[in-house]
Amino acid sequence: MGAGRAPFLPRLRRGPLLLPPAAGEGCEALPRRRWGKVGWGPVAAAFSLCIATHALAQTESPNQALKRVEQEIQADKARQKQLERQSQTIQKELDELRGRLVGLAEEERAQESELDQLEETLTALEAEEHDQAGRLESERQQIAALLAALQRLARIPPEAALARPEGPVDTLRSALLLRDTVPTLRARADALAAALSKLAETREKLEGQRTRTLAARVALAERQKEMARLVARREELSRQTEEERLQVAQHSARLAGQAADLRQLMERIEAERRAAAEAAAKREAERLEAERREAERRLAEQREAERKLAAQKEAERKEAERKLAELRAAEQKAAEQKAAEQKAAEQKAKAEAELAAAQRAPNAPAGAGGTRLPVGGRVATRYGEADRFGAASRGVTIQARPGASVVAPQAGTIVFAGPFRGYGQILIVEHANGYHSLIAGFGRIDTAVGKRVATGEPIGLMPTDGNPDLYFELRRHGQPINPQRGFGAPEGKGQG
């Protein structure tokens, strides 16, 4: 057997191009067809392709398989459209959840303030009760000592009093002392009874205050549970939609790969049939391309002459426009300079008014531009004051309640969330117009990088133990500004 021939193929004679087996024919029809001057390589490839096609035909033809795969792809596309509609519905629900979360955060902050007031009142009542009880105990001991002395005197009979070793003057003095002591003792007993009644009223008020405080704490705990449930629901909806989208996309990718393989199989069968026609078409296209290039060259020469003439006219026109533009620019520059001077004066007056307002209300919770503090509580360190390290603070430090909710001070996008060096859990929010918020001191963060948050939307919780502090820093174009003056504060480093 000669080299270069496939060992399993019979001797084939040269002749016109042989077509693949027709419908209903098997691979045994190949030796009966003529293959032309294509060599043994295409013959072997066609024979191998025929064997693969014949094996596939035993179960399912390529056309049927391709149609089935394309139907499944169409079904996946329909499912993707359905998921898009579901995603829009879920997005609406997420927006409603954000609105409810913002409302619950406002109610929680109000309840925290009310609970702080109740606890302060409760502490004052407990101190008052302790003070009254101490005074009453001292008064009770004194009266008890006087009553014991009177009882001892009352047990002595008159005869025994006459026979006592003291003289009559001492006996008379004791009688007079007893006569003066009894009314005083009665008055002190009446005062003691009134004090006891007042103590009972104080204890009754204290008990009522404790009941109201307990109710407020229970209501606050319920609000916090509801907020935690809504946050979990928000995350579950987002995760469920993304997982289903990923599954549909992966399935579509697998089906696309199968469709590509089937199309490649069918195209390979037709490749040899199109080769001769493509070669002839290529030669004709080359001839037409040469004619087209010659015509384009002549047209280009004509256009170049026209272009030079037009360029000369355009240069003259641009020179006239340049002179007119210089005149207009000079007039506009003068107008802009005048407007800039007027605007600078207005901004200076506005900054002075905002500074005066900030000095009159240093404890205001929100800035002039609509900023709100991320958590309720007492501002322990203000912007520019010395912090615990002795340096000037670039933000504000707020003493909050354990487990209190932290909300977004302004709408924006989360650009960082997690631990950072020695600052613990921090969050950076990017706002419009070059503003960034840096918030540190979280016990738990309930959002992630890339998510959009609305103004007042809960983004995390404070630590649940100790007396937690939250640090809030506001920057614009990288420079810190006073957070209590808000997003409307003037630009520049160190604006206080």
Protein backbone atom coordinates (compact mmCIF):
# COMPACT_ATOMS: atom_id res chain seq x y z
CA MET A 1 0.00 0.00 0.00
CA GLY A 2 1.50 3.33 -1.07
CA ALA A 3 2.48 6.05 1.36
CA GLY A 4 0.10 8.98 1.73
CA ARG A 5 -3.04 6.92 1.21
CA ALA A 6 -5.51 6.18 3.98
CA PRO A 7 -5.27 2.42 4.71
CA PHE A 8 -9.02 2.01 5.02
CA LEU A 9 -10.05 3.82 1.78
CA PRO A 10 -10.47 1.98 -1.54
CA ARG A 11 -8.73 3.17 -4.71
CA LEU A 12 -10.59 6.20 -6.07
CA ARG A 13 -10.33 7.50 -9.58
CA ARG A 14 -10.03 11.18 -10.30
CA GLY A 15 -12.94 13.02 -11.78
CA PRO A 16 -15.46 15.77 -11.04
CA LEU A 17 -15.96 17.00 -7.44
CA LEU A 18 -17.79 14.34 -5.39
CA LEU A 19 -20.69 15.56 -3.22
CA PRO A 20 -21.36 14.19 0.26
CA PRO A 21 -23.88 11.35 0.53
CA ALA A 22 -27.41 12.38 -0.27
CA ALA A 23 -30.31 11.92 2.12
CA GLY A 24 -30.86 8.23 2.76
CA GLU A 25 -27.35 7.22 1.62
CA GLY A 26 -24.71 5.86 3.96
CA CYS A 27 -20.93 6.14 4.10
CA GLU A 28 -20.71 3.18 1.72
CA ALA A 29 -21.76 5.56 -1.07
CA LEU A 30 -18.44 7.43 -0.86
CA PRO A 31 -16.40 4.98 -3.07
CA ARG A 32 -19.07 5.23 -5.79
CA ARG A 33 -18.65 9.05 -6.11
CA ARG A 34 -15.88 10.96 -7.92
CA TRP A 35 -13.80 13.46 -5.92
CA GLY A 36 -11.89 15.51 -8.45
CA LYS A 37 -8.42 17.01 -7.92
CA VAL A 38 -8.70 17.69 -4.21
CA GLY A 39 -6.12 15.20 -2.88
CA TRP A 40 -6.40 12.64 -0.10
CA GLY A 41 -6.64 15.14 2.79
CA PRO A 42 -10.18 16.38 1.97
CA VAL A 43 -11.21 12.83 1.13
CA ALA A 44 -10.11 11.57 4.57
CA ALA A 45 -11.76 14.54 6.29
CA ALA A 46 -15.02 13.98 4.40
CA PHE A 47 -14.94 10.28 5.22
CA SER A 48 -14.37 10.99 8.94
CA LEU A 49 -17.15 13.60 8.90
CA CYS A 50 -19.44 11.10 7.21
CA ILE A 51 -18.74 8.50 9.91
CA ALA A 52 -19.48 11.06 12.68
CA THR A 53 -22.67 12.20 10.93
CA HIS A 54 -23.80 8.62 10.45
CA ALA A 55 -23.23 7.85 14.15
CA LEU A 56 -25.19 10.97 15.14
CA ALA A 57 -28.01 10.04 12.78
CA GLN A 58 -28.57 6.85 14.75
CA THR A 59 -30.00 8.97 17.59
CA GLU A 60 -30.69 12.52 16.32
CA SER A 61 -29.79 14.39 13.16
CA PRO A 62 -27.72 17.63 13.37
CA ASN A 63 -30.65 19.67 12.07
CA GLN A 64 -32.97 18.26 14.71
CA ALA A 65 -30.38 18.73 17.45
CA LEU A 66 -29.71 22.31 16.29
CA LYS A 67 -33.44 23.10 16.26
CA ARG A 68 -33.82 21.60 19.74
CA VAL A 69 -30.87 23.61 21.11
CA GLU A 70 -32.14 26.82 19.46
CA GLN A 71 -35.58 26.24 21.00
CA GLU A 72 -33.95 25.86 24.41
CA ILE A 73 -31.96 29.07 23.79
CA GLN A 74 -35.19 30.90 22.91
CA ALA A 75 -36.74 29.51 26.10
CA ASP A 76 -33.76 30.82 28.11
CA LYS A 77 -34.10 34.25 26.47
CA ALA A 78 -37.78 34.30 27.42
CA ARG A 79 -36.81 33.29 30.96
CA GLN A 80 -34.22 36.10 31.04
CA LYS A 81 -36.89 38.62 29.98
CA GLN A 82 -39.16 37.27 32.71
CA LEU A 83 -36.30 37.63 35.20
CA GLU A 84 -35.81 41.23 34.05
CA ARG A 85 -39.48 41.95 34.75
CA GLN A 86 -39.18 40.21 38.13
CA SER A 87 -36.04 42.24 38.79
CA GLN A 88 -37.97 45.46 38.14
CA THR A 89 -40.71 44.30 40.52
CA ILE A 90 -38.11 43.36 43.13
CA GLN A 91 -36.40 46.73 42.64
CA LYS A 92 -39.70 48.47 43.39
CA GLU A 93 -40.03 46.33 46.54
CA LEU A 94 -36.43 47.21 47.47
CA ASP A 95 -37.26 50.90 47.08
CA GLU A 96 -40.31 50.45 49.33
CA LEU A 97 -38.13 48.58 51.84
CA ARG A 98 -35.63 51.45 51.82
CA GLY A 99 -38.46 53.88 52.53
CA ARG A 100 -39.71 51.75 55.41
CA LEU A 101 -36.17 51.40 56.75
CA VAL A 102 -35.73 55.16 56.70
CA GLY A 103 -39.03 55.61 58.57
CA LEU A 104 -38.15 52.95 61.12
CA ALA A 105 -34.75 54.54 61.67
CA GLU A 106 -36.46 57.89 62.40
CA GLU A 107 -38.88 56.20 64.83
CA GLU A 108 -36.01 54.34 66.51
CA ARG A 109 -34.05 57.58 66.98
CA ALA A 110 -37.14 59.26 68.50
CA GLN A 111 -37.68 56.29 70.85
CA GLU A 112 -34.02 56.36 71.85
CA SER A 113 -34.34 60.03 72.76
CA GLU A 114 -37.53 59.34 74.73
CA LEU A 115 -35.85 56.43 76.51
CA ASP A 116 -32.88 58.64 77.44
CA GLN A 117 -35.27 61.18 79.00
CA LEU A 118 -37.19 58.45 80.87
CA GLU A 119 -33.94 56.99 82.23
CA GLU A 120 -32.76 60.44 83.37
CA THR A 121 -36.11 61.04 85.13
CA LEU A 122 -35.92 57.57 86.67
CA THR A 123 -32.43 58.26 88.00
CA ALA A 124 -33.57 61.55 89.54
CA LEU A 125 -36.59 59.88 91.22
CA GLU A 126 -34.41 57.08 92.61
CA ALA A 127 -31.99 59.66 94.05
CA GLU A 128 -34.91 61.60 95.59
CA GLU A 129 -36.34 58.40 97.10
CA HIS A 130 -32.96 57.49 98.59
CA ASP A 131 -32.55 60.96 100.08
CA GLN A 132 -36.07 60.97 101.60
CA ALA A 133 -35.62 57.47 102.98
CA GLY A 134 -32.35 58.51 104.67
CA ARG A 135 -33.93 61.57 106.30
CA LEU A 136 -36.95 59.54 107.47
CA GLU A 137 -34.72 56.85 108.95
CA SER A 138 -32.77 59.44 110.95
CA GLU A 139 -36.02 61.07 112.15
CA ARG A 140 -37.47 57.68 113.02
CA GLN A 141 -34.45 56.76 115.19
CA GLN A 142 -34.67 60.05 117.13
CA ILE A 143 -38.42 59.64 117.79
CA ALA A 144 -37.89 56.03 118.76
CA ALA A 145 -35.30 57.10 121.37
CA LEU A 146 -37.74 59.73 122.85
CA LEU A 147 -40.60 57.25 122.96
CA ALA A 148 -38.42 54.72 124.77
CA ALA A 149 -37.51 57.36 127.40
CA LEU A 150 -41.19 58.29 127.87
CA GLN A 151 -42.15 54.64 128.22
CA ARG A 152 -39.53 54.13 130.91
CA LEU A 153 -40.79 57.17 132.82
CA ALA A 154 -44.39 56.07 132.48
CA ARG A 155 -43.61 52.71 134.13
CA ILE A 156 -42.43 54.41 137.39
CA PRO A 157 -45.38 54.72 139.97
CA PRO A 158 -45.86 58.06 141.80
CA GLU A 159 -44.90 56.48 145.14
CA ALA A 160 -41.65 55.25 143.67
CA ALA A 161 -41.01 58.68 142.21
CA LEU A 162 -41.39 60.24 145.68
CA ALA A 163 -39.01 57.69 147.15
CA ARG A 164 -36.31 58.28 144.55
CA PRO A 165 -33.00 59.60 145.76
CA GLU A 166 -33.33 62.80 143.70
CA GLY A 167 -34.73 65.82 145.40
CA PRO A 168 -38.15 67.33 144.72
CA VAL A 169 -36.61 70.00 142.49
CA ASP A 170 -35.15 67.34 140.17
CA THR A 171 -38.47 65.52 140.08
CA LEU A 172 -40.27 68.77 139.23
CA ARG A 173 -37.71 69.53 136.53
CA SER A 174 -38.27 66.07 134.96
CA ALA A 175 -42.04 66.64 134.98
CA LEU A 176 -41.69 70.02 133.30
CA LEU A 177 -39.33 68.49 130.72
CA LEU A 178 -41.84 65.77 129.94
CA ARG A 179 -44.64 68.34 129.66
CA ASP A 180 -42.63 70.32 127.02
CA THR A 181 -41.42 67.21 125.18
CA VAL A 182 -44.80 65.60 124.52
CA PRO A 183 -46.21 68.40 122.20
CA THR A 184 -42.88 68.58 120.33
CA LEU A 185 -42.88 64.82 119.99
CA ARG A 186 -46.43 64.93 118.63
CA ALA A 187 -45.51 67.62 116.08
CA ARG A 188 -42.51 65.60 114.94
CA ALA A 189 -44.69 62.50 114.67
CA ASP A 190 -47.16 64.42 112.48
CA ALA A 191 -44.28 65.67 110.31
CA LEU A 192 -42.98 62.11 110.10
CA ALA A 193 -46.39 60.88 108.95
CA ALA A 194 -46.52 63.58 106.23
CA ALA A 195 -43.01 62.68 105.11
CA LEU A 196 -43.98 59.01 104.96
CA SER A 197 -47.00 59.93 102.81
CA LYS A 198 -44.75 61.97 100.48
CA LEU A 199 -42.30 59.06 100.31
CA ALA A 200 -45.16 56.76 99.32
CA GLU A 201 -46.15 59.20 96.53
CA THR A 202 -42.53 59.37 95.33
CA ARG A 203 -42.30 55.59 95.27
CA GLU A 204 -45.58 55.42 93.34
CA LYS A 205 -44.22 57.89 90.77
CA LEU A 206 -41.00 55.90 90.63
CA GLU A 207 -42.90 52.68 89.95
CA GLY A 208 -44.90 54.34 87.16
CA GLN A 209 -41.73 55.76 85.65
CA ARG A 210 -40.13 52.31 85.74
CA THR A 211 -43.17 50.86 83.95
CA ARG A 212 -43.01 53.52 81.22
CA THR A 213 -39.26 53.00 80.86
CA LEU A 214 -39.71 49.25 80.50
CA ALA A 215 -42.43 49.79 77.86
CA ALA A 216 -40.17 52.18 75.95
CA ARG A 217 -37.32 49.64 76.03
CA VAL A 218 -39.62 46.87 74.76
CA ALA A 219 -40.89 49.14 71.94
CA LEU A 220 -37.30 50.03 70.99
CA ALA A 221 -36.35 46.35 70.88
CA GLU A 222 -39.34 45.61 68.63
CA ARG A 223 -38.31 48.41 66.24
CA GLN A 224 -34.78 47.04 66.09
CA LYS A 225 -36.08 43.51 65.35
CA GLU A 226 -38.31 44.87 62.57
CA MET A 227 -35.38 46.77 61.06
CA ALA A 228 -33.18 43.64 61.19
CA ARG A 229 -35.92 41.64 59.46
CA LEU A 230 -36.29 44.24 56.68
CA VAL A 231 -32.51 44.38 56.14
CA ALA A 232 -32.41 40.57 55.86
CA ARG A 233 -35.33 40.64 53.43
CA ARG A 234 -33.54 43.25 51.29
CA GLU A 235 -30.35 41.17 51.10
CA GLU A 236 -32.30 37.92 50.39
CA LEU A 237 -34.20 39.49 47.45
CA SER A 238 -30.99 40.83 45.89
CA ARG A 239 -29.11 37.54 46.35
CA GLN A 240 -31.99 35.39 45.01
CA THR A 241 -32.35 37.45 41.82
CA GLU A 242 -28.59 37.48 41.12
CA GLU A 243 -28.26 33.69 41.65
CA GLU A 244 -31.11 32.89 39.25
CA ARG A 245 -29.72 35.29 36.64
CA LEU A 246 -26.31 33.60 36.91
CA GLN A 247 -27.85 30.12 36.48
CA VAL A 248 -29.82 31.17 33.38
CA ALA A 249 -26.73 32.87 31.90
CA GLN A 250 -24.58 29.75 32.46
CA HIS A 251 -27.23 27.50 30.89
CA SER A 252 -27.53 29.84 27.89
CA ALA A 253 -23.74 29.79 27.47
CA ARG A 254 -23.69 25.96 27.43
CA LEU A 255 -26.52 25.85 24.87
CA ALA A 256 -24.73 28.43 22.71
CA GLY A 257 -21.62 26.24 22.72
CA GLN A 258 -23.66 23.20 21.61
CA ALA A 259 -25.34 25.23 18.85
CA ALA A 260 -21.93 26.45 17.66
CA ASP A 261 -20.63 22.86 17.46
CA LEU A 262 -23.67 21.72 15.45
CA ARG A 263 -23.41 24.66 13.06
CA GLN A 264 -19.69 23.97 12.60
CA LEU A 265 -20.49 20.36 11.68
CA MET A 266 -23.05 21.43 9.07
CA GLU A 267 -20.81 24.20 7.70
CA ARG A 268 -17.91 21.78 7.30
CA ILE A 269 -20.07 19.60 5.03
CA GLU A 270 -20.79 22.61 2.76
CA ALA A 271 -17.24 24.08 2.86
CA GLU A 272 -15.85 22.08 -0.11
CA ARG A 273 -18.96 22.83 -2.17
CA ARG A 274 -18.47 26.58 -1.79
CA ALA A 275 -14.68 26.62 -2.38
CA ALA A 276 -14.74 26.82 -6.23
CA ALA A 277 -17.46 29.46 -6.30
CA GLU A 278 -15.61 31.54 -3.71
CA ALA A 279 -12.38 31.40 -5.73
CA ALA A 280 -14.14 32.63 -8.90
CA ALA A 281 -15.94 35.32 -6.93
CA LYS A 282 -12.62 36.40 -5.44
CA ARG A 283 -11.00 36.83 -8.85
CA GLU A 284 -13.97 38.84 -10.09
CA ALA A 285 -13.87 40.97 -6.94
CA GLU A 286 -10.15 41.68 -7.46
CA ARG A 287 -10.82 42.85 -11.03
CA LEU A 288 -13.67 45.10 -9.90
CA GLU A 289 -11.52 46.40 -7.02
CA ALA A 290 -8.73 47.39 -9.44
CA GLU A 291 -11.21 49.28 -11.63
CA ARG A 292 -12.69 50.95 -8.56
CA ARG A 293 -9.28 52.08 -7.29
CA GLU A 294 -8.41 53.63 -10.67
CA ALA A 295 -11.68 55.55 -10.70
CA GLU A 296 -11.09 56.65 -7.09
CA ARG A 297 -7.58 57.86 -7.98
CA ARG A 298 -8.90 60.07 -10.76
CA LEU A 299 -11.70 61.34 -8.55
CA ALA A 300 -9.20 62.04 -5.75
CA GLU A 301 -7.07 64.18 -8.05
CA GLN A 302 -10.10 66.24 -9.00
CA ARG A 303 -11.18 66.58 -5.39
CA GLU A 304 -7.66 67.61 -4.30
CA ALA A 305 -7.76 70.56 -6.69
CA GLU A 306 -11.19 71.54 -5.40
CA ARG A 307 -9.99 71.10 -1.81
CA LYS A 308 -7.06 73.48 -2.25
CA LEU A 309 -9.37 76.16 -3.63
CA ALA A 310 -11.85 75.61 -0.79
CA ALA A 311 -8.98 75.64 1.76
CA GLN A 312 -7.85 79.04 0.57
CA LYS A 313 -11.37 80.45 0.95
CA GLU A 314 -11.75 78.72 4.36
CA ALA A 315 -8.49 80.30 5.59
CA GLU A 316 -9.74 83.75 4.68
CA ARG A 317 -13.06 83.07 6.43
CA LYS A 318 -11.36 81.73 9.60
CA GLU A 319 -9.11 84.79 9.82
CA ALA A 320 -12.18 87.04 9.79
CA GLU A 321 -13.89 84.83 12.39
CA ARG A 322 -10.76 84.85 14.57
CA LYS A 323 -10.69 88.62 14.73
CA LEU A 324 -14.42 88.72 15.54
CA ALA A 325 -13.95 86.03 18.21
CA GLU A 326 -11.10 87.97 19.84
CA LEU A 327 -13.36 91.01 20.10
CA ARG A 328 -16.20 88.97 21.58
CA ALA A 329 -13.84 87.17 23.98
CA ALA A 330 -12.60 90.48 25.34
CA GLU A 331 -16.19 91.61 25.93
CA GLN A 332 -17.13 88.28 27.55
CA LYS A 333 -14.03 88.30 29.79
CA ALA A 334 -14.97 91.72 31.12
CA ALA A 335 -18.55 90.55 31.80
CA GLU A 336 -17.33 87.33 33.49
CA GLN A 337 -14.90 89.27 35.69
CA LYS A 338 -17.72 91.55 36.81
CA ALA A 339 -20.01 88.56 37.48
CA ALA A 340 -17.23 86.76 39.39
CA GLU A 341 -16.68 89.78 41.64
CA GLN A 342 -20.43 89.97 42.35
CA LYS A 343 -20.62 86.21 43.04
CA ALA A 344 -17.61 86.36 45.39
CA ALA A 345 -19.30 89.12 47.37
CA GLU A 346 -22.53 87.08 47.60
CA GLN A 347 -20.63 83.94 48.70
CA LYS A 348 -18.74 85.91 51.33
CA ALA A 349 -22.00 87.29 52.75
CA LYS A 350 -23.56 83.81 52.69
CA ALA A 351 -20.52 82.27 54.44
CA GLU A 352 -20.64 84.95 57.16
CA ALA A 353 -24.38 84.29 57.67
CA GLU A 354 -23.80 80.51 57.87
CA LEU A 355 -20.92 81.01 60.32
CA ALA A 356 -23.11 83.19 62.53
CA ALA A 357 -25.92 80.61 62.39
CA ALA A 358 -23.46 77.81 63.26
CA GLN A 359 -22.16 79.82 66.23
CA ARG A 360 -25.73 80.44 67.46
CA ALA A 361 -26.67 76.74 67.14
CA PRO A 362 -23.54 74.64 67.68
CA ASN A 363 -25.52 71.55 68.69
CA ALA A 364 -27.67 71.42 65.55
CA PRO A 365 -27.89 67.82 64.27
CA ALA A 366 -27.90 68.70 60.56
CA GLY A 367 -25.88 71.03 58.37
CA ALA A 368 -27.09 73.87 56.14
CA GLY A 369 -26.93 71.65 53.05
CA GLY A 370 -29.29 69.02 54.43
CA THR A 371 -26.72 66.80 56.20
CA ARG A 372 -27.86 64.66 59.08
CA LEU A 373 -25.70 62.97 61.69
CA PRO A 374 -25.43 59.21 61.08
CA VAL A 375 -26.54 58.28 64.62
CA GLY A 376 -28.45 59.88 67.46
CA GLY A 377 -26.62 60.84 70.62
CA ARG A 378 -24.46 63.50 72.26
CA VAL A 379 -21.70 65.19 70.23
CA ALA A 380 -18.63 64.59 72.38
CA THR A 381 -15.99 66.17 70.09
CA ARG A 382 -16.81 68.80 67.49
CA TYR A 383 -14.94 69.74 64.35
CA GLY A 384 -11.68 71.55 65.16
CA GLU A 385 -11.68 70.63 68.89
CA ALA A 386 -8.87 68.61 70.44
CA ASP A 387 -9.52 64.86 70.24
CA ARG A 388 -8.32 62.22 72.71
CA PHE A 389 -4.83 62.36 71.15
CA GLY A 390 -4.58 66.15 71.53
CA ALA A 391 -4.83 66.85 67.76
CA ALA A 392 -7.49 69.01 66.09
CA SER A 393 -10.42 66.79 65.09
CA ARG A 394 -11.27 66.65 61.38
CA GLY A 395 -14.80 65.42 62.10
CA VAL A 396 -17.25 64.95 64.95
CA THR A 397 -17.41 62.17 67.57
CA ILE A 398 -20.90 61.13 68.75
CA GLN A 399 -21.63 59.13 71.91
CA ALA A 400 -24.46 56.75 70.89
CA ARG A 401 -26.50 54.05 72.58
CA PRO A 402 -25.28 50.43 72.38
CA GLY A 403 -26.79 48.70 69.34
CA ALA A 404 -28.18 51.96 67.88
CA SER A 405 -28.83 52.07 64.11
CA VAL A 406 -26.44 54.06 61.88
CA VAL A 407 -27.99 55.72 58.80
CA ALA A 408 -26.59 57.32 55.64
CA PRO A 409 -26.10 61.09 56.16
CA GLN A 410 -26.86 61.75 52.47
CA ALA A 411 -27.72 59.68 49.38
CA GLY A 412 -24.71 58.16 47.62
CA THR A 413 -22.73 55.04 46.64
CA ILE A 414 -20.69 52.78 48.97
CA VAL A 415 -17.02 52.84 47.85
CA PHE A 416 -15.44 51.08 50.87
CA ALA A 417 -16.81 48.86 53.63
CA GLY A 418 -14.83 46.82 56.17
CA PRO A 419 -11.90 46.97 58.61
CA PHE A 420 -9.10 49.46 58.00
CA ARG A 421 -5.82 49.49 60.01
CA GLY A 422 -6.52 50.55 63.59
CA TYR A 423 -9.87 52.24 62.91
CA GLY A 424 -12.02 49.08 63.10
CA GLN A 425 -15.09 48.78 60.86
CA ILE A 426 -15.36 51.86 58.61
CA LEU A 427 -17.60 52.92 55.72
CA ILE A 428 -16.90 55.48 52.95
CA VAL A 429 -19.86 56.89 50.97
CA GLU A 430 -19.40 58.90 47.75
CA HIS A 431 -21.95 61.69 47.25
CA ALA A 432 -22.59 64.13 44.42
CA ASN A 433 -20.52 67.30 43.80
CA GLY A 434 -17.24 65.83 45.11
CA TYR A 435 -18.40 64.99 48.66
CA HIS A 436 -17.32 61.88 50.62
CA SER A 437 -18.44 60.69 54.07
CA LEU A 438 -16.16 58.61 56.33
CA ILE A 439 -17.93 56.83 59.19
CA ALA A 440 -16.04 54.68 61.74
CA GLY A 441 -16.97 52.82 64.92
CA PHE A 442 -19.47 50.22 63.60
CA GLY A 443 -20.32 47.05 65.43
CA ARG A 444 -21.86 45.66 62.25
CA ILE A 445 -22.10 46.90 58.63
CA ASP A 446 -25.31 46.06 56.72
CA THR A 447 -24.35 47.17 53.19
CA ALA A 448 -21.64 46.44 50.59
CA VAL A 449 -19.36 48.20 48.08
CA GLY A 450 -21.16 49.42 44.97
CA LYS A 451 -24.63 49.70 46.51
CA ARG A 452 -26.68 52.90 46.38
CA VAL A 453 -28.13 54.19 49.66
CA ALA A 454 -30.79 56.83 50.24
CA THR A 455 -30.65 59.68 52.77
CA GLY A 456 -31.47 58.23 56.18
CA GLU A 457 -31.27 54.56 55.04
CA PRO A 458 -29.86 52.20 57.74
CA ILE A 459 -26.34 51.03 56.88
CA GLY A 460 -25.23 49.31 60.11
CA LEU A 461 -25.39 49.06 63.91
CA MET A 462 -23.27 50.38 66.79
CA PRO A 463 -21.48 47.90 69.09
CA THR A 464 -23.80 46.36 71.70
CA ASP A 465 -21.45 46.67 74.69
CA GLY A 466 -19.90 49.56 76.59
CA ASN A 467 -20.35 53.23 75.64
CA PRO A 468 -19.70 53.21 71.87
CA ASP A 469 -18.49 56.28 69.97
CA LEU A 470 -19.08 56.97 66.27
CA TYR A 471 -16.66 59.13 64.25
CA PHE A 472 -18.12 61.07 61.27
CA GLU A 473 -15.90 62.98 58.83
CA LEU A 474 -17.13 64.92 55.76
CA ARG A 475 -14.77 65.82 52.88
CA ARG A 476 -15.14 67.73 49.63
CA HIS A 477 -12.56 67.28 46.87
CA GLY A 478 -10.37 65.54 49.47
CA GLN A 479 -10.44 68.40 52.00
CA PRO A 480 -12.21 67.99 55.40
CA ILE A 481 -15.10 70.35 56.18
CA ASN A 482 -17.33 70.78 59.23
CA PRO A 483 -19.98 68.01 59.09
CA GLN A 484 -22.41 70.07 61.21
CA ARG A 485 -22.40 72.78 58.52
CA GLY A 486 -23.32 70.21 55.88
CA PHE A 487 -23.01 69.87 52.13
CA GLY A 488 -23.67 73.57 51.56
CA ALA A 489 -20.49 74.65 53.41
CA PRO A 490 -17.90 76.79 51.48
CA GLU A 491 -15.03 74.94 49.83
CA GLY A 492 -11.49 74.92 51.16
CA LYS A 493 -9.36 73.14 53.73
CA GLY A 494 -10.17 73.58 57.38
CA GLN A 495 -13.58 75.19 56.96
CA GLY A 496 -14.96 75.38 60.47
